[in-house]
PDB file of all heavy atoms in Angstrom:
ATOM      1  N   LYS A   1      10.707  -0.836   8.449  1.00  0.00           N
ATOM      2  CA  LYS A   1       9.882  -0.566   9.571  1.00  0.00           C
ATOM      3  C   LYS A   1       8.440  -0.237   9.152  1.00  0.00           C
ATOM      4  O   LYS A   1       7.560  -0.176   9.954  1.00  0.00           O
ATOM      5  CB  LYS A   1      10.411   0.621  10.381  1.00  0.00           C
ATOM      6  CG  LYS A   1      11.712   0.408  11.028  1.00  0.00           C
ATOM      7  CD  LYS A   1      12.161   1.668  11.714  1.00  0.00           C
ATOM      8  CE  LYS A   1      13.609   1.641  12.077  1.00  0.00           C
ATOM      9  NZ  LYS A   1      14.095   2.944  12.478  1.00  0.00           N
ATOM     10  N   GLY A   2       8.232  -0.016   7.855  1.00  0.00           N
ATOM     11  CA  GLY A   2       6.892   0.343   7.385  1.00  0.00           C
ATOM     12  C   GLY A   2       6.613   1.799   7.705  1.00  0.00           C
ATOM     13  O   GLY A   2       5.474   2.229   7.815  1.00  0.00           O
ATOM     14  N   GLY A   3       7.653   2.622   7.931  1.00  0.00           N
ATOM     15  CA  GLY A   3       7.503   4.017   8.278  1.00  0.00           C
ATOM     16  C   GLY A   3       6.981   4.859   7.133  1.00  0.00           C
ATOM     17  O   GLY A   3       6.587   4.411   6.106  1.00  0.00           O
ATOM     18  N   ALA A   4       7.003   6.178   7.351  1.00  0.00           N
ATOM     19  CA  ALA A   4       6.415   7.109   6.410  1.00  0.00           C
ATOM     20  C   ALA A   4       7.089   7.036   5.053  1.00  0.00           C
ATOM     21  O   ALA A   4       6.477   7.342   4.048  1.00  0.00           O
ATOM     22  CB  ALA A   4       6.565   8.518   6.976  1.00  0.00           C
ATOM     23  N   ALA A   5       8.339   6.598   4.976  1.00  0.00           N
ATOM     24  CA  ALA A   5       8.995   6.497   3.679  1.00  0.00           C
ATOM     25  C   ALA A   5       8.755   5.125   3.056  1.00  0.00           C
ATOM     26  O   ALA A   5       9.305   4.823   2.019  1.00  0.00           O
ATOM     27  CB  ALA A   5      10.491   6.740   3.864  1.00  0.00           C
ATOM     28  N   GLY A   6       7.994   4.283   3.737  1.00  0.00           N
ATOM     29  CA  GLY A   6       7.829   2.914   3.289  1.00  0.00           C
ATOM     30  C   GLY A   6       6.599   2.621   2.482  1.00  0.00           C
ATOM     31  O   GLY A   6       5.817   3.505   2.069  1.00  0.00           O
ATOM     32  N   TYR A   7       6.425   1.341   2.197  1.00  0.00           N
ATOM     33  CA  TYR A   7       5.305   0.845   1.405  1.00  0.00           C
ATOM     34  C   TYR A   7       3.980   1.207   2.079  1.00  0.00           C
ATOM     35  O   TYR A   7       3.832   1.105   3.289  1.00  0.00           O
ATOM     36  CB  TYR A   7       5.439  -0.685   1.319  1.00  0.00           C
ATOM     37  CG  TYR A   7       4.298  -1.378   0.598  1.00  0.00           C
ATOM     38  CD1 TYR A   7       4.267  -1.385  -0.806  1.00  0.00           C
ATOM     39  CD2 TYR A   7       3.289  -1.939   1.305  1.00  0.00           C
ATOM     40  CE1 TYR A   7       3.236  -1.983  -1.448  1.00  0.00           C
ATOM     41  CE2 TYR A   7       2.208  -2.580   0.632  1.00  0.00           C
ATOM     42  CZ  TYR A   7       2.184  -2.584  -0.750  1.00  0.00           C
ATOM     43  OH  TYR A   7       1.159  -3.160  -1.384  1.00  0.00           O
ATOM     44  N   GLY A   8       3.044   1.675   1.283  1.00  0.00           N
ATOM     45  CA  GLY A   8       1.703   2.025   1.810  1.00  0.00           C
ATOM     46  C   GLY A   8       1.592   3.474   2.231  1.00  0.00           C
ATOM     47  O   GLY A   8       0.547   3.910   2.706  1.00  0.00           O
ATOM     48  N   PHE A   9       2.674   4.242   2.057  1.00  0.00           N
ATOM     49  CA  PHE A   9       2.704   5.643   2.424  1.00  0.00           C
ATOM     50  C   PHE A   9       3.248   6.458   1.235  1.00  0.00           C
ATOM     51  O   PHE A   9       4.086   5.967   0.487  1.00  0.00           O
ATOM     52  CB  PHE A   9       3.602   5.916   3.624  1.00  0.00           C
ATOM     53  CG  PHE A   9       3.100   5.345   4.918  1.00  0.00           C
ATOM     54  CD1 PHE A   9       3.322   4.031   5.225  1.00  0.00           C
ATOM     55  CD2 PHE A   9       2.381   6.117   5.768  1.00  0.00           C
ATOM     56  CE1 PHE A   9       2.873   3.487   6.407  1.00  0.00           C
ATOM     57  CE2 PHE A   9       1.920   5.599   6.964  1.00  0.00           C
ATOM     58  CZ  PHE A   9       2.148   4.276   7.286  1.00  0.00           C
ATOM     59  N   THR A  10       2.719   7.724   1.089  1.00  0.00           N
ATOM     60  CA  THR A  10       3.321   8.599   0.098  1.00  0.00           C
ATOM     61  C   THR A  10       4.691   9.043   0.547  1.00  0.00           C
ATOM     62  O   THR A  10       5.027   8.810   1.750  1.00  0.00           O
ATOM     63  CB  THR A  10       2.440   9.850  -0.099  1.00  0.00           C
ATOM     64  OG1 THR A  10       2.408  10.600   1.111  1.00  0.00           O
ATOM     65  CG2 THR A  10       1.034   9.471  -0.570  1.00  0.00           C
ATOM     66  N   VAL A  11       5.463   9.658  -0.286  1.00  0.00           N
ATOM     67  CA  VAL A  11       6.769  10.150   0.107  1.00  0.00           C
ATOM     68  C   VAL A  11       6.672  11.153   1.236  1.00  0.00           C
ATOM     69  O   VAL A  11       7.538  11.257   2.112  1.00  0.00           O
ATOM     70  CB  VAL A  11       7.525  10.767  -1.136  1.00  0.00           C
ATOM     71  CG1 VAL A  11       8.782  11.449  -0.749  1.00  0.00           C
ATOM     72  CG2 VAL A  11       7.802   9.687  -2.148  1.00  0.00           C
ATOM     73  N   SER A  12       5.554  11.943   1.247  1.00  0.00           N
ATOM     74  CA  SER A  12       5.372  12.939   2.287  1.00  0.00           C
ATOM     75  C   SER A  12       4.906  12.323   3.623  1.00  0.00           C
ATOM     76  O   SER A  12       4.778  13.047   4.605  1.00  0.00           O
ATOM     77  CB  SER A  12       4.427  14.028   1.842  1.00  0.00           C
ATOM     78  OG  SER A  12       3.149  13.453   1.581  1.00  0.00           O
ATOM     79  N   GLY A  13       4.611  11.013   3.684  1.00  0.00           N
ATOM     80  CA  GLY A  13       4.247  10.343   4.890  1.00  0.00           C
ATOM     81  C   GLY A  13       2.792  10.104   5.127  1.00  0.00           C
ATOM     82  O   GLY A  13       2.370   9.657   6.157  1.00  0.00           O
ATOM     83  N   THR A  14       1.936  10.421   4.105  1.00  0.00           N
ATOM     84  CA  THR A  14       0.509  10.189   4.221  1.00  0.00           C
ATOM     85  C   THR A  14       0.190   8.756   3.900  1.00  0.00           C
ATOM     86  O   THR A  14       0.632   8.232   2.904  1.00  0.00           O
ATOM     87  CB  THR A  14      -0.258  11.088   3.244  1.00  0.00           C
ATOM     88  OG1 THR A  14       0.162  12.476   3.489  1.00  0.00           O
ATOM     89  CG2 THR A  14      -1.756  10.962   3.399  1.00  0.00           C
ATOM     90  N   ARG A  15      -0.650   8.116   4.773  1.00  0.00           N
ATOM     91  CA  ARG A  15      -1.047   6.712   4.492  1.00  0.00           C
ATOM     92  C   ARG A  15      -1.924   6.699   3.259  1.00  0.00           C
ATOM     93  O   ARG A  15      -2.807   7.493   3.094  1.00  0.00           O
ATOM     94  CB  ARG A  15      -1.788   6.153   5.704  1.00  0.00           C
ATOM     95  CG  ARG A  15      -2.166   4.693   5.508  1.00  0.00           C
ATOM     96  CD  ARG A  15      -2.920   4.097   6.709  1.00  0.00           C
ATOM     97  NE  ARG A  15      -2.026   4.029   7.851  1.00  0.00           N
ATOM     98  CZ  ARG A  15      -1.222   3.008   8.096  1.00  0.00           C
ATOM     99  NH1 ARG A  15      -1.106   2.024   7.228  1.00  0.00           N
ATOM    100  NH2 ARG A  15      -0.472   2.974   9.165  1.00  0.00           N
ATOM    101  N   ILE A  16      -1.672   5.734   2.384  1.00  0.00           N
ATOM    102  CA  ILE A  16      -2.468   5.600   1.159  1.00  0.00           C
ATOM    103  C   ILE A  16      -3.795   4.900   1.468  1.00  0.00           C
ATOM    104  O   ILE A  16      -3.783   3.889   2.129  1.00  0.00           O
ATOM    105  CB  ILE A  16      -1.663   4.827   0.141  1.00  0.00           C
ATOM    106  CG1 ILE A  16      -0.371   5.543  -0.253  1.00  0.00           C
ATOM    107  CG2 ILE A  16      -2.489   4.521  -1.100  1.00  0.00           C
ATOM    108  CD1 ILE A  16       0.601   4.675  -1.059  1.00  0.00           C
ATOM    109  N   SER A  17      -4.874   5.455   0.943  1.00  0.00           N
ATOM    110  CA  SER A  17      -6.188   4.852   1.085  1.00  0.00           C
ATOM    111  C   SER A  17      -6.549   4.151  -0.181  1.00  0.00           C
ATOM    112  O   SER A  17      -6.405   4.726  -1.261  1.00  0.00           O
ATOM    113  CB  SER A  17      -7.244   5.911   1.410  1.00  0.00           C
ATOM    114  OG  SER A  17      -6.993   6.503   2.644  1.00  0.00           O
ATOM    115  N   PRO A  18      -7.040   2.883  -0.109  1.00  0.00           N
ATOM    116  CA  PRO A  18      -7.388   2.165  -1.326  1.00  0.00           C
ATOM    117  C   PRO A  18      -8.688   2.703  -1.927  1.00  0.00           C
ATOM    118  O   PRO A  18      -9.515   3.273  -1.198  1.00  0.00           O
ATOM    119  CB  PRO A  18      -7.532   0.742  -0.853  1.00  0.00           C
ATOM    120  CG  PRO A  18      -7.902   0.866   0.542  1.00  0.00           C
ATOM    121  CD  PRO A  18      -7.204   2.089   1.095  1.00  0.00           C
ATOM    122  N   PRO A  19      -8.914   2.461  -3.238  1.00  0.00           N
ATOM    123  CA  PRO A  19     -10.212   2.845  -3.812  1.00  0.00           C
ATOM    124  C   PRO A  19     -11.318   1.968  -3.200  1.00  0.00           C
ATOM    125  O   PRO A  19     -11.062   0.907  -2.634  1.00  0.00           O
ATOM    126  CB  PRO A  19     -10.005   2.525  -5.273  1.00  0.00           C
ATOM    127  CG  PRO A  19      -8.567   2.324  -5.517  1.00  0.00           C
ATOM    128  CD  PRO A  19      -7.983   1.937  -4.166  1.00  0.00           C
ATOM    129  N   ASN A  20     -12.559   2.439  -3.330  1.00  0.00           N
ATOM    130  CA  ASN A  20     -13.704   1.642  -2.827  1.00  0.00           C
ATOM    131  C   ASN A  20     -13.731   0.273  -3.447  1.00  0.00           C
ATOM    132  O   ASN A  20     -13.549   0.141  -4.683  1.00  0.00           O
ATOM    133  CB  ASN A  20     -15.020   2.358  -3.150  1.00  0.00           C
ATOM    134  CG  ASN A  20     -15.198   3.565  -2.229  1.00  0.00           C
ATOM    135  OD1 ASN A  20     -14.680   3.687  -1.157  1.00  0.00           O
ATOM    136  ND2 ASN A  20     -15.975   4.541  -2.724  1.00  0.00           N
ATOM    137  N   GLY A  21     -13.912  -0.757  -2.673  1.00  0.00           N
ATOM    138  CA  GLY A  21     -13.968  -2.158  -3.156  1.00  0.00           C
ATOM    139  C   GLY A  21     -12.610  -2.793  -3.319  1.00  0.00           C
ATOM    140  O   GLY A  21     -12.528  -3.894  -3.804  1.00  0.00           O
ATOM    141  N   TRP A  22     -11.558  -2.114  -2.907  1.00  0.00           N
ATOM    142  CA  TRP A  22     -10.196  -2.617  -2.983  1.00  0.00           C
ATOM    143  C   TRP A  22      -9.539  -2.525  -1.619  1.00  0.00           C
ATOM    144  O   TRP A  22      -9.986  -1.823  -0.737  1.00  0.00           O
ATOM    145  CB  TRP A  22      -9.404  -1.772  -3.986  1.00  0.00           C
ATOM    146  CG  TRP A  22      -9.919  -1.884  -5.384  1.00  0.00           C
ATOM    147  CD1 TRP A  22     -10.999  -1.316  -5.892  1.00  0.00           C
ATOM    148  CD2 TRP A  22      -9.299  -2.614  -6.458  1.00  0.00           C
ATOM    149  NE1 TRP A  22     -11.169  -1.664  -7.216  1.00  0.00           N
ATOM    150  CE2 TRP A  22     -10.123  -2.459  -7.556  1.00  0.00           C
ATOM    151  CE3 TRP A  22      -8.136  -3.387  -6.549  1.00  0.00           C
ATOM    152  CZ2 TRP A  22      -9.840  -3.001  -8.809  1.00  0.00           C
ATOM    153  CZ3 TRP A  22      -7.855  -3.945  -7.765  1.00  0.00           C
ATOM    154  CH2 TRP A  22      -8.680  -3.772  -8.878  1.00  0.00           C
ATOM    155  N   ARG A  23      -8.452  -3.271  -1.424  1.00  0.00           N
ATOM    156  CA  ARG A  23      -7.666  -3.233  -0.203  1.00  0.00           C
ATOM    157  C   ARG A  23      -6.185  -3.191  -0.579  1.00  0.00           C
ATOM    158  O   ARG A  23      -5.802  -3.671  -1.641  1.00  0.00           O
ATOM    159  CB  ARG A  23      -7.957  -4.412   0.707  1.00  0.00           C
ATOM    160  CG  ARG A  23      -7.531  -5.731   0.132  1.00  0.00           C
ATOM    161  CD  ARG A  23      -7.800  -6.887   1.148  1.00  0.00           C
ATOM    162  NE  ARG A  23      -7.473  -8.181   0.526  1.00  0.00           N
ATOM    163  CZ  ARG A  23      -6.267  -8.696   0.419  1.00  0.00           C
ATOM    164  NH1 ARG A  23      -5.194  -8.061   0.889  1.00  0.00           N
ATOM    165  NH2 ARG A  23      -6.083  -9.899  -0.167  1.00  0.00           N
ATOM    166  N   ILE A  24      -5.389  -2.574   0.311  1.00  0.00           N
ATOM    167  CA  ILE A  24      -3.953  -2.561   0.052  1.00  0.00           C
ATOM    168  C   ILE A  24      -3.381  -3.898   0.318  1.00  0.00           C
ATOM    169  O   ILE A  24      -3.672  -4.549   1.337  1.00  0.00           O
ATOM    170  CB  ILE A  24      -3.253  -1.513   0.975  1.00  0.00           C
ATOM    171  CG1 ILE A  24      -3.856  -0.136   0.809  1.00  0.00           C
ATOM    172  CG2 ILE A  24      -1.731  -1.525   0.795  1.00  0.00           C
ATOM    173  CD1 ILE A  24      -3.387   0.604  -0.419  1.00  0.00           C
ATOM    174  N   LEU A  25      -2.601  -4.427  -0.635  1.00  0.00           N
ATOM    175  CA  LEU A  25      -1.966  -5.739  -0.471  1.00  0.00           C
ATOM    176  C   LEU A  25      -0.848  -5.609   0.542  1.00  0.00           C
ATOM    177  O   LEU A  25      -0.094  -4.638   0.516  1.00  0.00           O
ATOM    178  CB  LEU A  25      -1.415  -6.171  -1.825  1.00  0.00           C
ATOM    179  CG  LEU A  25      -0.870  -7.561  -2.003  1.00  0.00           C
ATOM    180  CD1 LEU A  25      -1.976  -8.583  -1.744  1.00  0.00           C
ATOM    181  CD2 LEU A  25      -0.348  -7.779  -3.401  1.00  0.00           C
ATOM    182  N   ALA A  26      -0.713  -6.533   1.459  1.00  0.00           N
ATOM    183  CA  ALA A  26       0.318  -6.471   2.496  1.00  0.00           C
ATOM    184  C   ALA A  26       1.684  -6.564   1.843  1.00  0.00           C
ATOM    185  O   ALA A  26       1.865  -7.298   0.868  1.00  0.00           O
ATOM    186  CB  ALA A  26       0.086  -7.623   3.480  1.00  0.00           C
ATOM    187  N   GLN A  27       2.608  -5.850   2.385  1.00  0.00           N
ATOM    188  CA  GLN A  27       3.964  -5.851   1.882  1.00  0.00           C
ATOM    189  C   GLN A  27       4.544  -7.249   1.874  1.00  0.00           C
ATOM    190  O   GLN A  27       4.381  -7.994   2.808  1.00  0.00           O
ATOM    191  CB  GLN A  27       4.884  -4.927   2.712  1.00  0.00           C
ATOM    192  CG  GLN A  27       6.269  -4.772   2.134  1.00  0.00           C
ATOM    193  CD  GLN A  27       7.068  -3.681   2.851  1.00  0.00           C
ATOM    194  OE1 GLN A  27       6.631  -3.110   3.812  1.00  0.00           O
ATOM    195  NE2 GLN A  27       8.246  -3.449   2.366  1.00  0.00           N
ATOM    196  N   GLY A  28       5.177  -7.631   0.762  1.00  0.00           N
ATOM    197  CA  GLY A  28       5.792  -8.926   0.603  1.00  0.00           C
ATOM    198  C   GLY A  28       4.892  -9.982  -0.012  1.00  0.00           C
ATOM    199  O   GLY A  28       5.362 -11.025  -0.386  1.00  0.00           O
ATOM    200  N   MET A  29       3.609  -9.715  -0.074  1.00  0.00           N
ATOM    201  CA  MET A  29       2.656 -10.684  -0.645  1.00  0.00           C
ATOM    202  C   MET A  29       2.820 -10.702  -2.168  1.00  0.00           C
ATOM    203  O   MET A  29       3.094  -9.688  -2.790  1.00  0.00           O
ATOM    204  CB  MET A  29       1.228 -10.323  -0.286  1.00  0.00           C
ATOM    205  CG  MET A  29       0.925 -10.397   1.200  1.00  0.00           C
ATOM    206  SD  MET A  29       1.170 -12.043   1.880  1.00  0.00           S
ATOM    207  CE  MET A  29      -0.072 -12.957   1.025  1.00  0.00           C
ATOM    208  N   PRO A  30       2.545 -11.855  -2.824  1.00  0.00           N
ATOM    209  CA  PRO A  30       2.621 -11.888  -4.293  1.00  0.00           C
ATOM    210  C   PRO A  30       1.543 -11.060  -4.897  1.00  0.00           C
ATOM    211  O   PRO A  30       0.409 -11.002  -4.386  1.00  0.00           O
ATOM    212  CB  PRO A  30       2.438 -13.372  -4.635  1.00  0.00           C
ATOM    213  CG  PRO A  30       2.164 -14.061  -3.358  1.00  0.00           C
ATOM    214  CD  PRO A  30       2.304 -13.129  -2.215  1.00  0.00           C
ATOM    215  N   VAL A  31       1.867 -10.383  -5.963  1.00  0.00           N
ATOM    216  CA  VAL A  31       0.894  -9.540  -6.680  1.00  0.00           C
ATOM    217  C   VAL A  31       0.125 -10.391  -7.683  1.00  0.00           C
ATOM    218  O   VAL A  31       0.674 -10.977  -8.589  1.00  0.00           O
ATOM    219  CB  VAL A  31       1.632  -8.363  -7.426  1.00  0.00           C
ATOM    220  CG1 VAL A  31       0.632  -7.542  -8.189  1.00  0.00           C
ATOM    221  CG2 VAL A  31       2.425  -7.516  -6.456  1.00  0.00           C
ATOM    222  N   PRO A  32      -1.246 -10.420  -7.502  1.00  0.00           N
ATOM    223  CA  PRO A  32      -2.041 -11.194  -8.445  1.00  0.00           C
ATOM    224  C   PRO A  32      -2.156 -10.494  -9.799  1.00  0.00           C
ATOM    225  O   PRO A  32      -1.751  -9.335  -9.929  1.00  0.00           O
ATOM    226  CB  PRO A  32      -3.417 -11.295  -7.776  1.00  0.00           C
ATOM    227  CG  PRO A  32      -3.448 -10.084  -6.869  1.00  0.00           C
ATOM    228  CD  PRO A  32      -2.047  -9.826  -6.452  1.00  0.00           C
ATOM    229  N   VAL A  33      -2.699 -11.178 -10.788  1.00  0.00           N
ATOM    230  CA  VAL A  33      -2.820 -10.591 -12.117  1.00  0.00           C
ATOM    231  C   VAL A  33      -3.713  -9.363 -12.101  1.00  0.00           C
ATOM    232  O   VAL A  33      -3.361  -8.359 -12.744  1.00  0.00           O
ATOM    233  CB  VAL A  33      -3.351 -11.676 -13.106  1.00  0.00           C
ATOM    234  CG1 VAL A  33      -3.615 -11.069 -14.453  1.00  0.00           C
ATOM    235  CG2 VAL A  33      -2.357 -12.838 -13.200  1.00  0.00           C
ATOM    236  N   ILE A  34      -4.812  -9.371 -11.384  1.00  0.00           N
ATOM    237  CA  ILE A  34      -5.706  -8.183 -11.312  1.00  0.00           C
ATOM    238  C   ILE A  34      -5.263  -7.360 -10.117  1.00  0.00           C
ATOM    239  O   ILE A  34      -5.314  -7.833  -8.965  1.00  0.00           O
ATOM    240  CB  ILE A  34      -7.177  -8.627 -11.202  1.00  0.00           C
ATOM    241  CG1 ILE A  34      -7.574  -9.396 -12.449  1.00  0.00           C
ATOM    242  CG2 ILE A  34      -8.070  -7.367 -11.012  1.00  0.00           C
ATOM    243  CD1 ILE A  34      -8.992  -9.976 -12.404  1.00  0.00           C
ATOM    244  N   HIS A  35      -4.856  -6.134 -10.386  1.00  0.00           N
ATOM    245  CA  HIS A  35      -4.370  -5.226  -9.351  1.00  0.00           C
ATOM    246  C   HIS A  35      -4.401  -3.797  -9.812  1.00  0.00           C
ATOM    247  O   HIS A  35      -4.660  -3.518 -11.027  1.00  0.00           O
ATOM    248  CB  HIS A  35      -2.924  -5.608  -8.941  1.00  0.00           C
ATOM    249  CG  HIS A  35      -1.975  -5.501 -10.072  1.00  0.00           C
ATOM    250  ND1 HIS A  35      -1.827  -6.478 -11.031  1.00  0.00           N
ATOM    251  CD2 HIS A  35      -1.127  -4.488 -10.450  1.00  0.00           C
ATOM    252  CE1 HIS A  35      -0.908  -6.089 -11.926  1.00  0.00           C
ATOM    253  NE2 HIS A  35      -0.488  -4.903 -11.591  1.00  0.00           N
TER     254      HIS A  35
END
């Protein structure tokens, strides 16, 4: 479901923010070499 226990969230349920100049890769997308 992408809920608080899921990808893009910490175990405590906080949404992860990417560093400046970066974006969170969508779940299921292939991971490129630079990441």
